[in-house]
């Protein structure tokens, strides 16, 4: 139905991709110019207005750490962080994220040093095949941020009480991470990794 056209833009010295419909009519869409800030770098793009953030990250910017799993928002493999909130990039249009800060797994480490959550996943064996791991790690980072902010979850026993790492149960960690599926079943180790970061912070 669609073919991916690759064009070279000498102004920005990089490749640009545009989806073009193979048939005329209401299914066609003109490219839109948008500016995305990904992992601290600004990218000026001309893309199909219907292109998802996931496809833009992978096919346009070459950031393949963000995985395409179900492409329906059900598995969490495509999770990225947008303005400090976890977002399913397969359900988000790239153009809708103009001016926002997008963080992928490639942008999580600093100066070659692993992020504490990445190190915890390694230490706790929080993965097996690794396909879901980037989304799991980014979701876990947001989980820790939510706990530090005192945000309750659906299984918080008393929302009037402050949520913190001392009172957080494994059940709460599992609920907060429930949007990310691991088909290998590494859930106990993922919970342990989140717990390790919470205990250290």
Protein backbone atom coordinates (compact mmCIF):
# COMPACT_ATOMS: atom_id res chain seq x y z
CA UNK A 1 0.00 0.00 0.00
CA UNK A 2 2.82 2.40 0.85
CA UNK A 3 6.38 2.57 -0.33
CA UNK A 4 9.13 4.27 1.61
CA UNK A 5 10.85 6.96 -0.42
CA UNK A 6 14.34 7.94 0.55
CA UNK A 7 15.51 11.40 -0.40
CA UNK A 8 18.66 13.24 0.49
CA UNK A 9 18.51 16.76 1.88
CA UNK A 10 21.88 18.52 1.50
CA UNK A 11 20.83 21.32 3.86
CA UNK A 12 20.74 18.97 6.85
CA UNK A 13 23.21 16.41 5.43
CA UNK A 14 21.05 13.44 6.27
CA UNK A 15 18.48 11.16 4.76
CA UNK A 16 14.80 12.03 4.91
CA UNK A 17 11.96 9.58 4.51
CA UNK A 18 8.46 10.22 3.27
CA UNK A 19 5.63 7.71 2.95
CA UNK A 20 3.86 8.00 -0.40
CA UNK A 21 0.59 6.33 -1.21
CA UNK A 22 0.56 4.10 -4.29
CA UNK A 23 -2.99 5.13 -5.07
CA UNK A 24 -4.63 8.50 -5.48
CA UNK A 25 -7.57 9.75 -3.51
CA UNK A 26 -8.31 10.41 0.14
CA UNK A 27 -5.58 8.01 1.30
CA UNK A 28 -2.75 10.30 0.22
CA UNK A 29 -1.12 12.77 2.57
CA UNK A 30 1.28 15.63 1.91
CA UNK A 31 4.49 15.70 3.94
CA UNK A 32 4.59 17.97 6.96
CA UNK A 33 7.64 19.75 8.31
CA UNK A 34 8.21 19.04 11.97
CA UNK A 35 11.00 19.42 14.49
CA UNK A 36 11.63 16.59 16.93
CA UNK A 37 13.98 16.78 19.91
CA UNK A 38 15.22 13.25 20.54
CA UNK A 39 17.84 12.36 23.14
CA UNK A 40 18.88 16.00 23.36
CA UNK A 41 19.35 16.46 19.60
CA UNK A 42 17.06 18.47 17.35
CA UNK A 43 15.94 16.93 14.05
CA UNK A 44 14.13 18.89 11.35
CA UNK A 45 12.08 16.43 9.31
CA UNK A 46 9.69 16.33 6.40
CA UNK A 47 7.44 13.32 7.01
CA UNK A 48 4.02 11.95 6.25
CA UNK A 49 1.56 13.40 8.75
CA UNK A 50 0.35 9.86 9.52
CA UNK A 51 3.81 8.52 10.43
CA UNK A 52 3.98 7.27 14.01
CA UNK A 53 6.68 8.27 16.43
CA UNK A 54 7.83 4.64 16.47
CA UNK A 55 8.34 4.47 12.71
CA UNK A 56 10.00 7.87 12.70
CA UNK A 57 12.46 6.84 15.40
CA UNK A 58 13.31 3.55 13.72
CA UNK A 59 13.06 4.25 9.99
CA UNK A 60 13.88 7.95 9.77
CA UNK A 61 16.29 8.57 12.64
CA UNK A 62 17.78 5.08 12.75
CA UNK A 63 17.14 4.63 16.49
CA UNK A 64 16.25 0.93 16.40
CA UNK A 65 16.43 0.39 20.15
CA UNK A 66 12.72 1.23 20.28
CA UNK A 67 11.02 -2.02 19.25
CA UNK A 68 7.92 -2.70 17.20
CA UNK A 69 5.99 -5.47 18.89
CA UNK A 70 2.22 -5.56 18.44
CA UNK A 71 1.87 -2.14 16.75
CA UNK A 72 -1.44 -1.84 18.65
CA UNK A 73 -0.34 -0.39 22.01
CA UNK A 74 -0.80 -3.68 23.84
CA UNK A 75 2.75 -4.93 24.52
CA UNK A 76 4.80 -1.89 25.57
CA UNK A 77 7.87 -2.80 23.46
CA UNK A 78 7.71 0.64 21.82
CA UNK A 79 7.70 2.60 25.10
CA UNK A 80 9.64 5.88 25.06
CA UNK A 81 9.72 8.81 27.45
CA UNK A 82 8.11 12.07 26.27
CA UNK A 83 8.36 15.05 28.61
CA UNK A 84 9.10 12.69 31.53
CA UNK A 85 6.02 10.54 30.82
CA UNK A 86 6.04 7.07 29.30
CA UNK A 87 4.37 6.94 25.91
CA UNK A 88 3.54 4.12 23.51
CA UNK A 89 5.26 5.40 20.39
CA UNK A 90 3.28 3.10 18.07
CA UNK A 91 0.08 4.98 18.98
CA UNK A 92 1.60 8.46 18.84
CA UNK A 93 1.98 10.54 15.69
CA UNK A 94 5.48 11.94 15.25
CA UNK A 95 4.18 15.37 14.25
CA UNK A 96 2.18 15.57 17.49
CA UNK A 97 5.44 15.55 19.45
CA UNK A 98 6.90 18.71 18.00
CA UNK A 99 8.68 20.71 20.69
CA UNK A 100 8.61 17.88 23.21
CA UNK A 101 11.60 16.06 24.71
CA UNK A 102 11.71 12.44 23.54
CA UNK A 103 14.05 9.96 25.21
CA UNK A 104 14.76 6.53 23.76
CA UNK A 105 16.92 3.74 25.20
CA UNK A 106 19.86 5.14 23.19
CA UNK A 107 19.66 8.41 25.12
CA UNK A 108 19.36 7.00 28.62
CA UNK A 109 23.05 6.55 29.42
CA UNK A 110 25.30 9.53 30.14
CA UNK A 111 28.84 9.83 28.81
CA UNK A 112 29.08 6.09 28.29
CA UNK A 113 27.87 5.32 31.84
CA UNK A 114 24.83 3.11 32.12
CA UNK A 115 21.73 4.59 33.69
CA UNK A 116 21.13 3.03 37.15
CA UNK A 117 18.09 1.20 35.75
CA UNK A 118 20.11 -0.29 32.90
CA UNK A 119 22.74 -1.44 35.39
CA UNK A 120 20.05 -2.92 37.64
CA UNK A 121 18.53 -4.90 34.77
CA UNK A 122 21.97 -6.35 34.06
CA UNK A 123 22.65 -7.10 37.74
CA UNK A 124 19.23 -8.72 38.32
CA UNK A 125 19.03 -10.54 34.95
CA UNK A 126 15.86 -8.60 34.14
CA UNK A 127 15.74 -9.92 30.58
CA UNK A 128 16.18 -13.04 28.47
CA UNK A 129 15.80 -12.52 24.73
CA UNK A 130 16.04 -8.74 25.24
CA UNK A 131 13.39 -7.70 22.72
CA UNK A 132 11.13 -6.03 25.28
CA UNK A 133 14.01 -4.77 27.44
CA UNK A 134 14.31 -1.19 26.07
CA UNK A 135 10.61 -0.54 26.70
CA UNK A 136 10.78 -2.27 30.08
CA UNK A 137 13.73 -0.13 31.18
CA UNK A 138 12.14 3.16 30.08
CA UNK A 139 8.87 2.22 31.76
CA UNK A 140 10.78 1.28 34.92
CA UNK A 141 12.53 4.68 34.91
CA UNK A 142 9.11 6.37 34.86
CA UNK A 143 7.87 4.02 37.58
CA UNK A 144 10.66 5.21 39.88
CA UNK A 145 9.88 8.84 39.02
CA UNK A 146 6.20 8.25 39.87
CA UNK A 147 7.12 6.75 43.23
CA UNK A 148 9.44 9.67 44.06
CA UNK A 149 6.60 12.05 43.14
CA UNK A 150 4.20 10.14 45.44
CA UNK A 151 1.84 9.19 42.61
CA UNK A 152 -0.54 6.37 43.66
CA UNK A 153 -1.38 3.42 41.42
CA UNK A 154 -4.53 1.38 40.92
CA UNK A 155 -3.49 -1.02 43.67
CA UNK A 156 -2.36 1.58 46.23
CA UNK A 157 -4.19 0.54 49.37
CA UNK A 158 -4.75 4.06 50.69
CA UNK A 159 -4.34 6.92 48.23
CA UNK A 160 -4.35 9.36 51.16
CA UNK A 161 -0.99 7.96 52.28
CA UNK A 162 2.22 9.09 50.61
CA UNK A 163 3.66 6.53 48.23
CA UNK A 164 7.40 6.02 48.69
CA UNK A 165 10.02 3.34 48.20
CA UNK A 166 9.72 2.20 51.82
CA UNK A 167 6.00 1.41 51.56
CA UNK A 168 5.90 0.29 47.92
CA UNK A 169 4.94 -3.36 47.53
CA UNK A 170 5.99 -5.73 44.77
CA UNK A 171 2.34 -5.86 43.77
CA UNK A 172 2.45 -2.11 43.12
CA UNK A 173 5.62 -2.41 41.07
CA UNK A 174 4.02 -5.15 38.98
CA UNK A 175 0.91 -3.04 38.43
CA UNK A 176 2.94 0.01 37.41
CA UNK A 177 4.88 -2.15 34.93
CA UNK A 178 1.82 -4.06 33.69
CA UNK A 179 1.73 -2.23 30.36
CA UNK A 180 5.00 -3.89 29.36
CA UNK A 181 4.82 -7.57 28.42
CA UNK A 182 7.76 -9.97 28.65
CA UNK A 183 7.06 -13.12 26.68
CA UNK A 184 10.13 -14.78 28.25
CA UNK A 185 8.60 -14.33 31.72
CA UNK A 186 11.41 -12.35 33.38
CA UNK A 187 8.91 -10.49 35.57
CA UNK A 188 10.37 -11.42 39.01
CA UNK A 189 13.79 -10.14 37.95
CA UNK A 190 12.31 -6.98 36.45
CA UNK A 191 10.58 -6.25 39.77
CA UNK A 192 13.90 -6.91 41.54
CA UNK A 193 15.66 -4.43 39.24
CA UNK A 194 13.09 -1.71 39.95
CA UNK A 195 13.33 -2.47 43.67
CA UNK A 196 17.14 -2.19 43.53
CA UNK A 197 16.99 1.27 41.96
CA UNK A 198 14.33 2.40 44.43
CA UNK A 199 16.40 1.18 47.36
CA UNK A 200 19.47 3.00 46.12
CA UNK A 201 17.70 6.31 45.47
